[in-house]
Amino acid sequence: MAKTGPIVLLEDDADDHGVLADILNELNIQNKLVWFTNDTDAF
């Protein structure tokens, strides 16, 4: 079964965001990425 919901990330390093986005793209993961840089914004 395909997972269609967003991928929620909590990471404060912009470089890590780029690396992860590239990896997911290479794996053809099409889910929307929801990015938070701190726990306060995430909750």
PDB file of N, CA and C in Angstrom:
ATOM      1  N   MET A   1       0.846  -1.170   0.000  1.00  0.00           N
ATOM      2  CA  MET A   1       0.000   0.000   0.000  1.00  0.00           C
ATOM      3  C   MET A   1       0.898   1.242   0.000  1.00  0.00           C
ATOM      4  N   ALA A   2       0.597   2.175  -0.872  1.00  0.00           N
ATOM      5  CA  ALA A   2       1.372   3.414  -0.966  1.00  0.00           C
ATOM      6  C   ALA A   2       1.031   4.343   0.190  1.00  0.00           C
ATOM      7  N   LYS A   3       2.024   5.006   0.689  1.00  0.00           N
ATOM      8  CA  LYS A   3       1.840   5.996   1.755  1.00  0.00           C
ATOM      9  C   LYS A   3       1.773   7.366   1.098  1.00  0.00           C
ATOM     10  N   THR A   4       0.682   8.081   1.301  1.00  0.00           N
ATOM     11  CA  THR A   4       0.486   9.340   0.583  1.00  0.00           C
ATOM     12  C   THR A   4       0.534  10.567   1.478  1.00  0.00           C
ATOM     13  N   GLY A   5       0.653  10.388   2.768  1.00  0.00           N
ATOM     14  CA  GLY A   5       0.678  11.525   3.685  1.00  0.00           C
ATOM     15  C   GLY A   5       2.008  12.246   3.647  1.00  0.00           C
ATOM     16  N   PRO A   6       2.064  13.403   4.283  1.00  0.00           N
ATOM     17  CA  PRO A   6       3.310  14.167   4.297  1.00  0.00           C
ATOM     18  C   PRO A   6       4.370  13.507   5.182  1.00  0.00           C
ATOM     19  N   ILE A   7       5.607  13.821   4.897  1.00  0.00           N
ATOM     20  CA  ILE A   7       6.724  13.403   5.728  1.00  0.00           C
ATOM     21  C   ILE A   7       7.077  14.600   6.599  1.00  0.00           C
ATOM     22  N   VAL A   8       6.986  14.424   7.916  1.00  0.00           N
ATOM     23  CA  VAL A   8       7.243  15.512   8.857  1.00  0.00           C
ATOM     24  C   VAL A   8       8.654  15.354   9.408  1.00  0.00           C
ATOM     25  N   LEU A   9       9.441  16.426   9.265  1.00  0.00           N
ATOM     26  CA  LEU A   9      10.836  16.415   9.697  1.00  0.00           C
ATOM     27  C   LEU A   9      11.069  17.490  10.742  1.00  0.00           C
ATOM     28  N   LEU A  10      11.885  17.179  11.713  1.00  0.00           N
ATOM     29  CA  LEU A  10      12.299  18.141  12.730  1.00  0.00           C
ATOM     30  C   LEU A  10      13.817  18.172  12.706  1.00  0.00           C
ATOM     31  N   GLU A  11      14.373  19.199  12.077  1.00  0.00           N
ATOM     32  CA  GLU A  11      15.810  19.295  11.880  1.00  0.00           C
ATOM     33  C   GLU A  11      16.191  20.764  11.752  1.00  0.00           C
ATOM     34  N   ASP A  12      17.234  21.179  12.465  1.00  0.00           N
ATOM     35  CA  ASP A  12      17.603  22.596  12.448  1.00  0.00           C
ATOM     36  C   ASP A  12      18.737  22.917  11.487  1.00  0.00           C
ATOM     37  N   ASP A  13      19.253  21.931  10.791  1.00  0.00           N
ATOM     38  CA  ASP A  13      20.370  22.151   9.873  1.00  0.00           C
ATOM     39  C   ASP A  13      19.867  22.153   8.431  1.00  0.00           C
ATOM     40  N   ALA A  14      19.968  23.297   7.757  1.00  0.00           N
ATOM     41  CA  ALA A  14      19.471  23.428   6.390  1.00  0.00           C
ATOM     42  C   ALA A  14      20.199  22.489   5.430  1.00  0.00           C
ATOM     43  N   ASP A  15      21.475  22.218   5.686  1.00  0.00           N
ATOM     44  CA  ASP A  15      22.215  21.289   4.827  1.00  0.00           C
ATOM     45  C   ASP A  15      21.602  19.889   4.887  1.00  0.00           C
ATOM     46  N   ASP A  16      21.191  19.471   6.069  1.00  0.00           N
ATOM     47  CA  ASP A  16      20.555  18.156   6.217  1.00  0.00           C
ATOM     48  C   ASP A  16      19.245  18.102   5.435  1.00  0.00           C
ATOM     49  N   HIS A  17      18.513  19.200   5.418  1.00  0.00           N
ATOM     50  CA  HIS A  17      17.259  19.261   4.668  1.00  0.00           C
ATOM     51  C   HIS A  17      17.527  19.002   3.196  1.00  0.00           C
ATOM     52  N   GLY A  18      18.549  19.662   2.652  1.00  0.00           N
ATOM     53  CA  GLY A  18      18.885  19.478   1.248  1.00  0.00           C
ATOM     54  C   GLY A  18      19.304  18.059   0.927  1.00  0.00           C
ATOM     55  N   VAL A  19      20.112  17.477   1.809  1.00  0.00           N
ATOM     56  CA  VAL A  19      20.577  16.099   1.601  1.00  0.00           C
ATOM     57  C   VAL A  19      19.387  15.141   1.619  1.00  0.00           C
ATOM     58  N   LEU A  20      18.522  15.281   2.614  1.00  0.00           N
ATOM     59  CA  LEU A  20      17.370  14.384   2.711  1.00  0.00           C
ATOM     60  C   LEU A  20      16.427  14.562   1.522  1.00  0.00           C
ATOM     61  N   ALA A  21      16.192  15.795   1.115  1.00  0.00           N
ATOM     62  CA  ALA A  21      15.325  16.047  -0.039  1.00  0.00           C
ATOM     63  C   ALA A  21      15.904  15.393  -1.296  1.00  0.00           C
ATOM     64  N   ASP A  22      17.214  15.474  -1.471  1.00  0.00           N
ATOM     65  CA  ASP A  22      17.864  14.843  -2.626  1.00  0.00           C
ATOM     66  C   ASP A  22      17.709  13.328  -2.583  1.00  0.00           C
ATOM     67  N   ILE A  23      17.904  12.742  -1.408  1.00  0.00           N
ATOM     68  CA  ILE A  23      17.777  11.287  -1.263  1.00  0.00           C
ATOM     69  C   ILE A  23      16.354  10.840  -1.569  1.00  0.00           C
ATOM     70  N   LEU A  24      15.369  11.528  -1.002  1.00  0.00           N
ATOM     71  CA  LEU A  24      13.976  11.149  -1.253  1.00  0.00           C
ATOM     72  C   LEU A  24      13.624  11.299  -2.727  1.00  0.00           C
ATOM     73  N   ASN A  25      14.168  12.319  -3.372  1.00  0.00           N
ATOM     74  CA  ASN A  25      13.939  12.515  -4.801  1.00  0.00           C
ATOM     75  C   ASN A  25      14.546  11.362  -5.597  1.00  0.00           C
ATOM     76  N   GLU A  26      15.770  10.958  -5.263  1.00  0.00           N
ATOM     77  CA  GLU A  26      16.415   9.841  -5.952  1.00  0.00           C
ATOM     78  C   GLU A  26      15.636   8.542  -5.773  1.00  0.00           C
ATOM     79  N   LEU A  27      14.983   8.396  -4.621  1.00  0.00           N
ATOM     80  CA  LEU A  27      14.178   7.204  -4.356  1.00  0.00           C
ATOM     81  C   LEU A  27      12.763   7.323  -4.924  1.00  0.00           C
ATOM     82  N   ASN A  28      12.497   8.451  -5.596  1.00  0.00           N
ATOM     83  CA  ASN A  28      11.199   8.733  -6.195  1.00  0.00           C
ATOM     84  C   ASN A  28      10.075   8.783  -5.156  1.00  0.00           C
ATOM     85  N   ILE A  29      10.389   9.314  -3.979  1.00  0.00           N
ATOM     86  CA  ILE A  29       9.390   9.532  -2.932  1.00  0.00           C
ATOM     87  C   ILE A  29       8.728  10.877  -3.233  1.00  0.00           C
ATOM     88  N   GLN A  30       7.437  10.871  -3.478  1.00  0.00           N
ATOM     89  CA  GLN A  30       6.741  12.072  -3.913  1.00  0.00           C
ATOM     90  C   GLN A  30       5.972  12.773  -2.791  1.00  0.00           C
ATOM     91  N   ASN A  31       6.045  12.252  -1.588  1.00  0.00           N
ATOM     92  CA  ASN A  31       5.312  12.845  -0.470  1.00  0.00           C
ATOM     93  C   ASN A  31       5.778  14.269  -0.212  1.00  0.00           C
ATOM     94  N   LYS A  32       4.857  15.105   0.219  1.00  0.00           N
ATOM     95  CA  LYS A  32       5.190  16.474   0.609  1.00  0.00           C
ATOM     96  C   LYS A  32       6.069  16.421   1.862  1.00  0.00           C
ATOM     97  N   LEU A  33       7.100  17.257   1.900  1.00  0.00           N
ATOM     98  CA  LEU A  33       7.950  17.368   3.083  1.00  0.00           C
ATOM     99  C   LEU A  33       7.499  18.561   3.909  1.00  0.00           C
ATOM    100  N   VAL A  34       7.235  18.331   5.173  1.00  0.00           N
ATOM    101  CA  VAL A  34       6.888  19.398   6.115  1.00  0.00           C
ATOM    102  C   VAL A  34       8.069  19.525   7.057  1.00  0.00           C
ATOM    103  N   TRP A  35       8.740  20.665   7.017  1.00  0.00           N
ATOM    104  CA  TRP A  35      10.016  20.859   7.689  1.00  0.00           C
ATOM    105  C   TRP A  35       9.863  21.812   8.862  1.00  0.00           C
ATOM    106  N   PHE A  36      10.289  21.399  10.036  1.00  0.00           N
ATOM    107  CA  PHE A  36      10.314  22.258  11.215  1.00  0.00           C
ATOM    108  C   PHE A  36      11.745  22.367  11.701  1.00  0.00           C
ATOM    109  N   THR A  37      12.129  23.550  12.162  1.00  0.00           N
ATOM    110  CA  THR A  37      13.498  23.746  12.637  1.00  0.00           C
ATOM    111  C   THR A  37      13.607  23.690  14.152  1.00  0.00           C
ATOM    112  N   ASN A  38      12.459  23.640  14.842  1.00  0.00           N
ATOM    113  CA  ASN A  38      12.502  23.508  16.296  1.00  0.00           C
ATOM    114  C   ASN A  38      11.222  22.850  16.783  1.00  0.00           C
ATOM    115  N   ASP A  39      11.288  22.321  17.989  1.00  0.00           N
ATOM    116  CA  ASP A  39      10.153  21.580  18.525  1.00  0.00           C
ATOM    117  C   ASP A  39       8.946  22.468  18.826  1.00  0.00           C
ATOM    118  N   THR A  40       9.168  23.722  19.148  1.00  0.00           N
ATOM    119  CA  THR A  40       8.051  24.630  19.432  1.00  0.00           C
ATOM    120  C   THR A  40       7.172  24.808  18.205  1.00  0.00           C
ATOM    121  N   ASP A  41       7.771  25.006  17.050  1.00  0.00           N
ATOM    122  CA  ASP A  41       6.999  25.153  15.830  1.00  0.00           C
ATOM    123  C   ASP A  41       6.316  23.856  15.417  1.00  0.00           C
ATOM    124  N   ALA A  42       6.943  22.732  15.715  1.00  0.00           N
ATOM    125  CA  ALA A  42       6.388  21.443  15.324  1.00  0.00           C
ATOM    126  C   ALA A  42       5.125  21.092  16.100  1.00  0.00           C
ATOM    127  N   PHE A  43       5.007  21.590  17.339  1.00  0.00           N
ATOM    128  CA  PHE A  43       3.849  21.270  18.147  1.00  0.00           C
ATOM    129  C   PHE A  43       3.019  22.494  18.335  1.00  0.00           C
TER     130      PHE A  43
END
